């Protein structure tokens, strides 16, 4: 059984070319990785289940003055203050103003740091064989280098 070392950030998956991000983890290449699939502007992404603490409906966010444009603000979740990141803004998706639909929040625990990410909807759970993960295109630039570890067709 071969092993593959992943040396960059956490997991993010995009279906139809599913993207994955991981932290410095050595993974047995015969292994399948449990992945939560979610939607951003009708494109499918995901994150490894080991980083997902919980999934909740979006709630009122306290805005932070002078924060980065993709930081929505903070929520209080059972006494824990959690920063919320808008992935669509972070990845420069065109802005959509359909606020009739409440987004979902993935509450993540990455290296003992708890953050929330806002996504359009949760699709479900799938298992991805590590052998099927291919390197992402270098044309993805900054996103490729920091957040995408691989692509699954």
N, C-alpha and C. Protein backbone atom coordinates (compact mmCIF):
# COMPACT_ATOMS: atom_id res chain seq x y z
N UNK A 1 0.83 -1.17 0.00
CA UNK A 1 0.00 0.00 0.00
C UNK A 1 0.88 1.24 0.00
N UNK A 2 0.68 2.12 -0.99
CA UNK A 2 1.46 3.35 -1.07
C UNK A 2 0.93 4.41 -0.14
N UNK A 3 1.79 5.39 0.18
CA UNK A 3 1.36 6.51 1.01
C UNK A 3 1.62 7.79 0.26
N UNK A 4 0.81 8.78 0.50
CA UNK A 4 0.93 10.06 -0.18
C UNK A 4 0.88 11.16 0.87
N UNK A 5 1.82 12.09 0.83
CA UNK A 5 1.84 13.15 1.83
C UNK A 5 1.22 14.40 1.23
N UNK A 6 0.34 15.01 1.99
CA UNK A 6 -0.30 16.24 1.59
C UNK A 6 0.24 17.35 2.47
N UNK A 7 0.81 18.40 1.86
CA UNK A 7 1.52 19.43 2.63
C UNK A 7 0.83 20.77 2.65
N UNK A 8 -0.38 20.90 2.22
CA UNK A 8 -1.04 22.21 2.23
C UNK A 8 -2.35 22.11 2.96
N UNK A 9 -2.84 23.14 3.41
CA UNK A 9 -4.06 23.47 4.12
C UNK A 9 -5.11 22.37 4.24
N UNK A 10 -6.35 22.71 4.39
CA UNK A 10 -7.43 21.78 4.70
C UNK A 10 -8.21 21.36 3.46
N UNK A 11 -9.30 20.65 3.63
CA UNK A 11 -9.99 20.03 2.50
C UNK A 11 -11.13 20.86 1.92
N UNK A 12 -11.11 20.99 0.61
CA UNK A 12 -12.21 21.64 -0.10
C UNK A 12 -12.37 20.88 -1.40
N UNK A 13 -13.59 20.44 -1.72
CA UNK A 13 -13.77 19.58 -2.89
C UNK A 13 -14.75 20.21 -3.85
N UNK A 14 -14.46 20.11 -5.12
CA UNK A 14 -15.37 20.61 -6.15
C UNK A 14 -15.71 19.46 -7.09
N UNK A 15 -17.00 19.12 -7.17
CA UNK A 15 -17.42 18.02 -8.03
C UNK A 15 -17.39 18.48 -9.48
N UNK A 16 -17.32 17.55 -10.40
CA UNK A 16 -17.08 17.76 -11.83
C UNK A 16 -15.65 18.22 -12.02
N UNK A 17 -14.87 18.15 -11.15
CA UNK A 17 -13.46 18.44 -10.95
C UNK A 17 -13.39 18.77 -9.47
N UNK A 18 -13.56 17.77 -8.61
CA UNK A 18 -13.71 17.95 -7.18
C UNK A 18 -12.37 18.31 -6.54
N UNK A 19 -12.31 19.44 -5.86
CA UNK A 19 -11.07 19.94 -5.28
C UNK A 19 -10.98 19.60 -3.80
N UNK A 20 -9.78 19.16 -3.34
CA UNK A 20 -9.60 18.81 -1.94
C UNK A 20 -8.41 19.56 -1.37
N UNK A 21 -8.54 20.06 -0.17
CA UNK A 21 -7.44 20.71 0.54
C UNK A 21 -7.16 19.93 1.80
N UNK A 22 -5.89 19.70 2.16
CA UNK A 22 -5.55 18.96 3.37
C UNK A 22 -4.41 19.62 4.10
N UNK A 23 -4.32 19.37 5.40
CA UNK A 23 -3.17 19.81 6.20
C UNK A 23 -2.13 18.70 6.15
N UNK A 24 -0.97 18.95 6.71
CA UNK A 24 0.14 18.00 6.66
C UNK A 24 -0.28 16.66 7.24
N UNK A 25 -0.84 15.81 6.41
CA UNK A 25 -1.36 14.52 6.83
C UNK A 25 -0.80 13.46 5.90
N UNK A 26 -0.35 12.35 6.43
CA UNK A 26 0.05 11.23 5.60
C UNK A 26 -1.15 10.30 5.52
N UNK A 27 -1.57 10.00 4.31
CA UNK A 27 -2.78 9.20 4.11
C UNK A 27 -2.44 7.96 3.31
N UNK A 28 -2.93 6.83 3.73
CA UNK A 28 -2.79 5.59 3.00
C UNK A 28 -3.55 5.74 1.69
N UNK A 29 -2.90 5.54 0.54
CA UNK A 29 -3.55 5.82 -0.75
C UNK A 29 -4.63 4.81 -1.11
N UNK A 30 -4.74 3.70 -0.37
CA UNK A 30 -5.82 2.75 -0.62
C UNK A 30 -7.07 3.13 0.18
N UNK A 31 -7.03 4.26 0.82
CA UNK A 31 -8.07 4.67 1.74
C UNK A 31 -9.09 5.58 1.06
N UNK A 32 -10.30 5.56 1.58
CA UNK A 32 -11.32 6.50 1.15
C UNK A 32 -11.47 7.56 2.21
N UNK A 33 -11.72 8.81 1.78
CA UNK A 33 -11.87 9.93 2.68
C UNK A 33 -13.33 10.35 2.70
N UNK A 34 -13.93 10.38 3.89
CA UNK A 34 -15.29 10.85 4.03
C UNK A 34 -15.33 12.35 3.81
N UNK A 35 -16.25 12.79 2.96
CA UNK A 35 -16.29 14.19 2.54
C UNK A 35 -17.72 14.72 2.59
N UNK A 36 -17.88 15.89 3.20
CA UNK A 36 -19.17 16.59 3.18
C UNK A 36 -19.22 17.40 1.89
N UNK A 37 -20.22 17.18 1.06
CA UNK A 37 -20.37 17.90 -0.20
C UNK A 37 -21.34 19.06 0.01
N UNK A 38 -20.95 20.24 -0.48
CA UNK A 38 -21.81 21.42 -0.36
C UNK A 38 -21.80 22.19 -1.66
N UNK A 39 -22.73 23.14 -1.77
CA UNK A 39 -22.94 23.87 -3.01
C UNK A 39 -22.62 25.35 -2.81
N UNK A 40 -21.90 25.93 -3.77
CA UNK A 40 -21.67 27.37 -3.87
C UNK A 40 -22.03 27.77 -5.29
N UNK A 41 -23.07 28.58 -5.45
CA UNK A 41 -23.48 29.04 -6.78
C UNK A 41 -23.57 27.90 -7.79
N UNK A 42 -24.28 26.84 -7.43
CA UNK A 42 -24.52 25.68 -8.30
C UNK A 42 -23.27 24.91 -8.68
N UNK A 43 -22.18 25.09 -7.95
CA UNK A 43 -20.99 24.27 -8.12
C UNK A 43 -20.79 23.48 -6.84
N UNK A 44 -20.31 22.24 -6.98
CA UNK A 44 -20.20 21.35 -5.84
C UNK A 44 -18.77 21.34 -5.30
N UNK A 45 -18.68 21.48 -3.98
CA UNK A 45 -17.41 21.47 -3.27
C UNK A 45 -17.56 20.55 -2.08
N UNK A 46 -16.50 20.41 -1.31
CA UNK A 46 -16.62 19.60 -0.11
C UNK A 46 -15.44 19.79 0.81
N UNK A 47 -15.54 19.19 1.95
CA UNK A 47 -14.48 19.23 2.95
C UNK A 47 -14.48 17.89 3.68
N UNK A 48 -13.29 17.45 4.07
CA UNK A 48 -13.20 16.19 4.79
C UNK A 48 -14.03 16.25 6.07
N UNK A 49 -14.70 15.16 6.36
CA UNK A 49 -15.57 15.10 7.53
C UNK A 49 -14.80 15.32 8.83
N UNK A 50 -13.53 14.96 8.87
CA UNK A 50 -12.79 15.09 10.13
C UNK A 50 -12.66 16.54 10.58
N UNK A 51 -12.85 17.50 9.68
CA UNK A 51 -12.75 18.91 10.03
C UNK A 51 -14.10 19.54 10.37
N UNK A 52 -15.20 18.83 10.11
CA UNK A 52 -16.54 19.39 10.31
C UNK A 52 -17.02 19.06 11.72
N UNK A 53 -17.20 20.10 12.51
CA UNK A 53 -17.67 19.93 13.88
C UNK A 53 -19.19 19.78 13.90
N UNK A 54 -19.87 20.64 13.12
CA UNK A 54 -21.32 20.55 13.00
C UNK A 54 -21.80 21.40 11.82
N UNK A 55 -23.06 21.18 11.47
CA UNK A 55 -23.70 21.92 10.39
C UNK A 55 -24.96 22.56 10.97
N UNK A 56 -25.09 23.87 10.77
CA UNK A 56 -26.26 24.58 11.30
C UNK A 56 -26.81 25.52 10.23
N UNK A 57 -28.06 25.97 10.44
CA UNK A 57 -28.63 26.99 9.56
C UNK A 57 -27.97 28.31 9.87
N UNK A 58 -27.83 29.13 8.83
CA UNK A 58 -27.25 30.46 9.02
C UNK A 58 -28.11 31.25 10.00
N UNK A 59 -27.45 32.05 10.79
CA UNK A 59 -28.14 32.87 11.79
C UNK A 59 -27.58 34.27 11.75
N UNK A 60 -28.13 35.12 12.57
CA UNK A 60 -27.71 36.51 12.63
C UNK A 60 -26.22 36.59 12.95
N UNK A 61 -25.51 37.40 12.17
CA UNK A 61 -24.07 37.56 12.30
C UNK A 61 -23.78 38.98 12.77
N UNK A 62 -22.90 39.11 13.75
CA UNK A 62 -22.45 40.43 14.19
C UNK A 62 -21.28 40.85 13.31
N UNK A 63 -21.47 41.92 12.57
CA UNK A 63 -20.45 42.38 11.63
C UNK A 63 -19.26 42.97 12.38
N UNK A 64 -18.09 42.87 11.76
CA UNK A 64 -16.86 43.42 12.33
C UNK A 64 -16.39 44.57 11.45
N UNK A 65 -16.28 45.77 12.02
CA UNK A 65 -15.78 46.89 11.21
C UNK A 65 -14.35 46.64 10.76
N UNK A 66 -14.05 47.06 9.55
CA UNK A 66 -12.70 47.00 8.97
C UNK A 66 -12.14 45.58 8.87
N UNK A 67 -13.01 44.58 8.81
CA UNK A 67 -12.54 43.20 8.63
C UNK A 67 -12.34 42.94 7.14
N UNK A 68 -11.71 41.83 6.82
CA UNK A 68 -11.53 41.45 5.43
C UNK A 68 -12.89 41.30 4.76
N UNK A 69 -12.97 41.57 3.46
CA UNK A 69 -14.27 41.56 2.77
C UNK A 69 -15.00 40.22 2.86
N UNK A 70 -14.28 39.11 2.96
CA UNK A 70 -14.93 37.81 3.00
C UNK A 70 -15.29 37.35 4.42
N UNK A 71 -14.99 38.15 5.42
CA UNK A 71 -15.40 37.82 6.79
C UNK A 71 -16.78 38.42 7.02
N UNK A 72 -17.78 37.54 7.18
CA UNK A 72 -19.15 38.01 7.40
C UNK A 72 -19.31 38.62 8.77
N UNK A 73 -18.60 38.08 9.76
CA UNK A 73 -18.71 38.57 11.13
C UNK A 73 -18.57 37.42 12.11
N UNK A 74 -19.23 37.56 13.27
CA UNK A 74 -19.14 36.58 14.35
C UNK A 74 -20.53 36.08 14.73
N UNK A 75 -20.58 34.83 15.18
CA UNK A 75 -21.80 34.31 15.80
C UNK A 75 -21.43 33.77 17.19
N UNK A 76 -22.44 33.70 18.04
CA UNK A 76 -22.28 33.09 19.35
C UNK A 76 -23.01 31.75 19.28
N UNK A 77 -22.25 30.67 19.31
CA UNK A 77 -22.84 29.33 19.23
C UNK A 77 -22.64 28.65 20.58
N UNK A 78 -23.69 28.63 21.38
CA UNK A 78 -23.66 28.03 22.71
C UNK A 78 -22.47 28.52 23.54
N UNK A 79 -22.26 29.84 23.51
CA UNK A 79 -21.21 30.45 24.33
C UNK A 79 -19.84 30.54 23.67
N UNK A 80 -19.69 30.00 22.48
CA UNK A 80 -18.42 30.07 21.75
C UNK A 80 -18.57 31.10 20.63
N UNK A 81 -17.66 32.06 20.59
CA UNK A 81 -17.67 33.07 19.53
C UNK A 81 -16.93 32.51 18.33
N UNK A 82 -17.61 32.49 17.18
CA UNK A 82 -17.06 31.85 15.98
C UNK A 82 -17.07 32.84 14.83
N UNK A 83 -15.90 33.07 14.20
CA UNK A 83 -15.87 33.92 13.00
C UNK A 83 -16.48 33.16 11.82
N UNK A 84 -17.22 33.89 10.98
CA UNK A 84 -17.89 33.30 9.82
C UNK A 84 -17.25 33.84 8.54
N UNK A 85 -16.85 32.93 7.67
CA UNK A 85 -16.22 33.26 6.39
C UNK A 85 -17.22 33.02 5.27
N UNK A 86 -17.35 33.96 4.36
CA UNK A 86 -18.18 33.81 3.17
C UNK A 86 -17.30 33.27 2.04
N UNK A 87 -17.41 31.98 1.76
CA UNK A 87 -16.54 31.36 0.76
C UNK A 87 -16.75 31.95 -0.64
N UNK A 88 -17.99 32.37 -0.94
CA UNK A 88 -18.23 32.94 -2.27
C UNK A 88 -17.43 34.23 -2.45
N UNK A 89 -17.38 35.06 -1.42
CA UNK A 89 -16.57 36.28 -1.50
C UNK A 89 -15.09 35.95 -1.50
N UNK A 90 -14.71 34.98 -0.68
CA UNK A 90 -13.30 34.60 -0.59
C UNK A 90 -12.77 34.10 -1.93
N UNK A 91 -13.60 33.35 -2.66
CA UNK A 91 -13.19 32.80 -3.95
C UNK A 91 -13.67 33.64 -5.13
N UNK A 92 -14.08 34.88 -4.86
CA UNK A 92 -14.46 35.85 -5.90
C UNK A 92 -15.58 35.38 -6.81
N UNK A 93 -16.60 34.74 -6.24
CA UNK A 93 -17.79 34.42 -7.02
C UNK A 93 -18.54 35.72 -7.27
N UNK A 94 -19.27 35.81 -8.40
CA UNK A 94 -20.10 37.00 -8.61
C UNK A 94 -21.14 37.09 -7.50
N UNK A 95 -21.42 38.30 -7.04
CA UNK A 95 -22.36 38.43 -5.92
C UNK A 95 -23.78 38.15 -6.38
N UNK A 96 -24.49 37.39 -5.56
CA UNK A 96 -25.90 37.13 -5.81
C UNK A 96 -26.67 37.73 -4.64
N UNK A 97 -27.79 38.33 -4.95
CA UNK A 97 -28.52 39.06 -3.91
C UNK A 97 -29.78 38.32 -3.49
N UNK A 98 -29.87 37.02 -3.74
CA UNK A 98 -31.03 36.25 -3.33
C UNK A 98 -30.92 35.90 -1.85
N UNK A 99 -31.40 36.77 -0.98
CA UNK A 99 -31.33 36.55 0.46
C UNK A 99 -32.60 35.89 0.99
N UNK A 100 -33.50 35.46 0.10
CA UNK A 100 -34.70 34.77 0.55
C UNK A 100 -34.35 33.39 1.10
N UNK A 101 -33.28 32.81 0.58
CA UNK A 101 -32.86 31.48 1.00
C UNK A 101 -31.76 31.62 2.04
N UNK A 102 -31.98 31.00 3.20
CA UNK A 102 -30.94 31.01 4.23
C UNK A 102 -29.84 30.03 3.87
N UNK A 103 -28.61 30.45 4.04
CA UNK A 103 -27.47 29.58 3.81
C UNK A 103 -27.29 28.64 4.99
N UNK A 104 -26.40 27.69 4.80
CA UNK A 104 -26.00 26.79 5.88
C UNK A 104 -24.60 27.19 6.33
N UNK A 105 -24.29 26.89 7.57
CA UNK A 105 -22.95 27.14 8.10
C UNK A 105 -22.30 25.81 8.44
N UNK A 106 -21.11 25.61 7.90
CA UNK A 106 -20.28 24.48 8.31
C UNK A 106 -19.39 25.00 9.42
N UNK A 107 -19.50 24.44 10.60
CA UNK A 107 -18.64 24.82 11.70
C UNK A 107 -17.45 23.86 11.67
N UNK A 108 -16.28 24.42 11.46
CA UNK A 108 -15.07 23.61 11.25
C UNK A 108 -14.12 23.76 12.42
N UNK A 109 -13.39 22.70 12.71
CA UNK A 109 -12.32 22.73 13.69
C UNK A 109 -11.06 22.31 12.96
N UNK A 110 -10.19 23.28 12.68
CA UNK A 110 -8.97 23.03 11.93
C UNK A 110 -7.79 23.45 12.80
N UNK A 111 -6.97 22.49 13.18
CA UNK A 111 -5.83 22.75 14.06
C UNK A 111 -6.27 23.47 15.33
N UNK A 112 -7.36 23.02 15.93
CA UNK A 112 -7.92 23.59 17.16
C UNK A 112 -8.40 25.03 17.01
N UNK A 113 -8.63 25.48 15.79
CA UNK A 113 -9.23 26.79 15.53
C UNK A 113 -10.63 26.53 14.97
N UNK A 114 -11.64 27.09 15.63
CA UNK A 114 -13.03 26.88 15.19
C UNK A 114 -13.45 28.08 14.36
N UNK A 115 -13.91 27.81 13.13
CA UNK A 115 -14.44 28.85 12.24
C UNK A 115 -15.72 28.32 11.61
N UNK A 116 -16.51 29.21 11.06
CA UNK A 116 -17.69 28.82 10.31
C UNK A 116 -17.54 29.29 8.88
N UNK A 117 -18.02 28.49 7.95
CA UNK A 117 -18.03 28.91 6.55
C UNK A 117 -19.47 28.85 6.05
N UNK A 118 -19.86 29.89 5.35
CA UNK A 118 -21.21 29.99 4.81
C UNK A 118 -21.25 29.33 3.44
N UNK A 119 -22.20 28.39 3.26
CA UNK A 119 -22.38 27.71 1.98
C UNK A 119 -23.85 27.79 1.60
N UNK A 120 -24.14 27.63 0.30
CA UNK A 120 -25.53 27.72 -0.15
C UNK A 120 -26.39 26.59 0.39
N UNK A 121 -25.91 25.34 0.26
CA UNK A 121 -26.66 24.21 0.80
C UNK A 121 -25.73 23.00 0.93
N UNK A 122 -26.15 22.09 1.78
CA UNK A 122 -25.42 20.84 1.99
C UNK A 122 -26.04 19.79 1.08
N UNK A 123 -25.21 19.10 0.31
CA UNK A 123 -25.68 18.08 -0.61
C UNK A 123 -25.71 16.71 0.06
N UNK A 124 -24.65 16.37 0.80
CA UNK A 124 -24.60 15.07 1.47
C UNK A 124 -23.17 14.67 1.78
N UNK A 125 -22.99 13.37 1.99
CA UNK A 125 -21.68 12.81 2.32
C UNK A 125 -21.30 11.82 1.25
N UNK A 126 -20.03 11.80 0.88
CA UNK A 126 -19.52 10.81 -0.05
C UNK A 126 -18.15 10.38 0.43
N UNK A 127 -17.67 9.29 -0.10
CA UNK A 127 -16.33 8.79 0.21
C UNK A 127 -15.51 8.81 -1.08
N UNK A 128 -14.34 9.43 -1.01
CA UNK A 128 -13.49 9.59 -2.18
C UNK A 128 -12.23 8.76 -1.99
N UNK A 129 -11.94 7.90 -2.96
CA UNK A 129 -10.72 7.11 -2.92
C UNK A 129 -9.54 8.03 -3.21
N UNK A 130 -8.55 8.01 -2.35
CA UNK A 130 -7.39 8.89 -2.50
C UNK A 130 -6.68 8.67 -3.83
N UNK A 131 -6.72 7.44 -4.36
CA UNK A 131 -6.08 7.15 -5.66
C UNK A 131 -6.72 7.92 -6.81
N UNK A 132 -7.96 8.38 -6.63
CA UNK A 132 -8.68 9.10 -7.68
C UNK A 132 -8.38 10.60 -7.68
N UNK A 133 -7.67 11.08 -6.67
CA UNK A 133 -7.38 12.51 -6.55
C UNK A 133 -6.20 12.86 -7.45
N UNK A 134 -6.41 13.84 -8.32
CA UNK A 134 -5.37 14.32 -9.22
C UNK A 134 -4.97 15.74 -8.83
N UNK A 135 -3.75 16.17 -9.19
CA UNK A 135 -3.34 17.55 -8.88
C UNK A 135 -4.24 18.55 -9.59
N UNK A 136 -4.53 19.68 -8.94
CA UNK A 136 -5.35 20.72 -9.59
C UNK A 136 -4.55 21.46 -10.65
N UNK A 137 -5.24 22.15 -11.51
CA UNK A 137 -4.60 22.94 -12.56
C UNK A 137 -3.85 24.12 -11.96
N UNK A 138 -2.64 24.40 -12.44
CA UNK A 138 -1.92 25.59 -11.97
C UNK A 138 -2.61 26.88 -12.39
N UNK A 139 -3.57 26.80 -13.30
CA UNK A 139 -4.30 27.99 -13.75
C UNK A 139 -5.20 28.55 -12.66
N UNK A 140 -5.41 27.78 -11.59
CA UNK A 140 -6.25 28.26 -10.49
C UNK A 140 -5.53 29.30 -9.65
N UNK A 141 -4.23 29.46 -9.84
CA UNK A 141 -3.47 30.52 -9.17
C UNK A 141 -3.51 30.44 -7.66
N UNK A 142 -3.82 31.57 -7.03
CA UNK A 142 -3.81 31.71 -5.58
C UNK A 142 -4.69 30.66 -4.91
N UNK A 143 -5.88 30.43 -5.43
CA UNK A 143 -6.78 29.45 -4.83
C UNK A 143 -6.12 28.08 -4.87
N UNK A 144 -5.49 27.74 -6.00
CA UNK A 144 -4.82 26.46 -6.14
C UNK A 144 -3.73 26.30 -5.07
N UNK A 145 -2.90 27.29 -4.91
CA UNK A 145 -1.77 27.18 -3.99
C UNK A 145 -2.19 27.08 -2.55
N UNK A 146 -3.19 27.82 -2.14
CA UNK A 146 -3.55 27.87 -0.72
C UNK A 146 -4.63 26.89 -0.30
N UNK A 147 -5.57 26.58 -1.18
CA UNK A 147 -6.75 25.89 -0.71
C UNK A 147 -7.12 24.59 -1.43
N UNK A 148 -6.52 24.31 -2.54
CA UNK A 148 -6.95 23.13 -3.31
C UNK A 148 -5.79 22.14 -3.40
N UNK A 149 -6.07 20.94 -2.93
CA UNK A 149 -5.04 19.91 -2.94
C UNK A 149 -5.19 18.99 -4.14
N UNK A 150 -6.40 18.78 -4.63
CA UNK A 150 -6.59 17.87 -5.73
C UNK A 150 -7.95 17.98 -6.37
N UNK A 151 -8.09 17.26 -7.47
CA UNK A 151 -9.31 17.28 -8.27
C UNK A 151 -9.75 15.83 -8.50
N UNK A 152 -11.06 15.60 -8.39
CA UNK A 152 -11.62 14.28 -8.66
C UNK A 152 -12.64 14.45 -9.77
N UNK A 153 -12.53 13.64 -10.81
CA UNK A 153 -13.44 13.74 -11.96
C UNK A 153 -14.71 12.99 -11.77
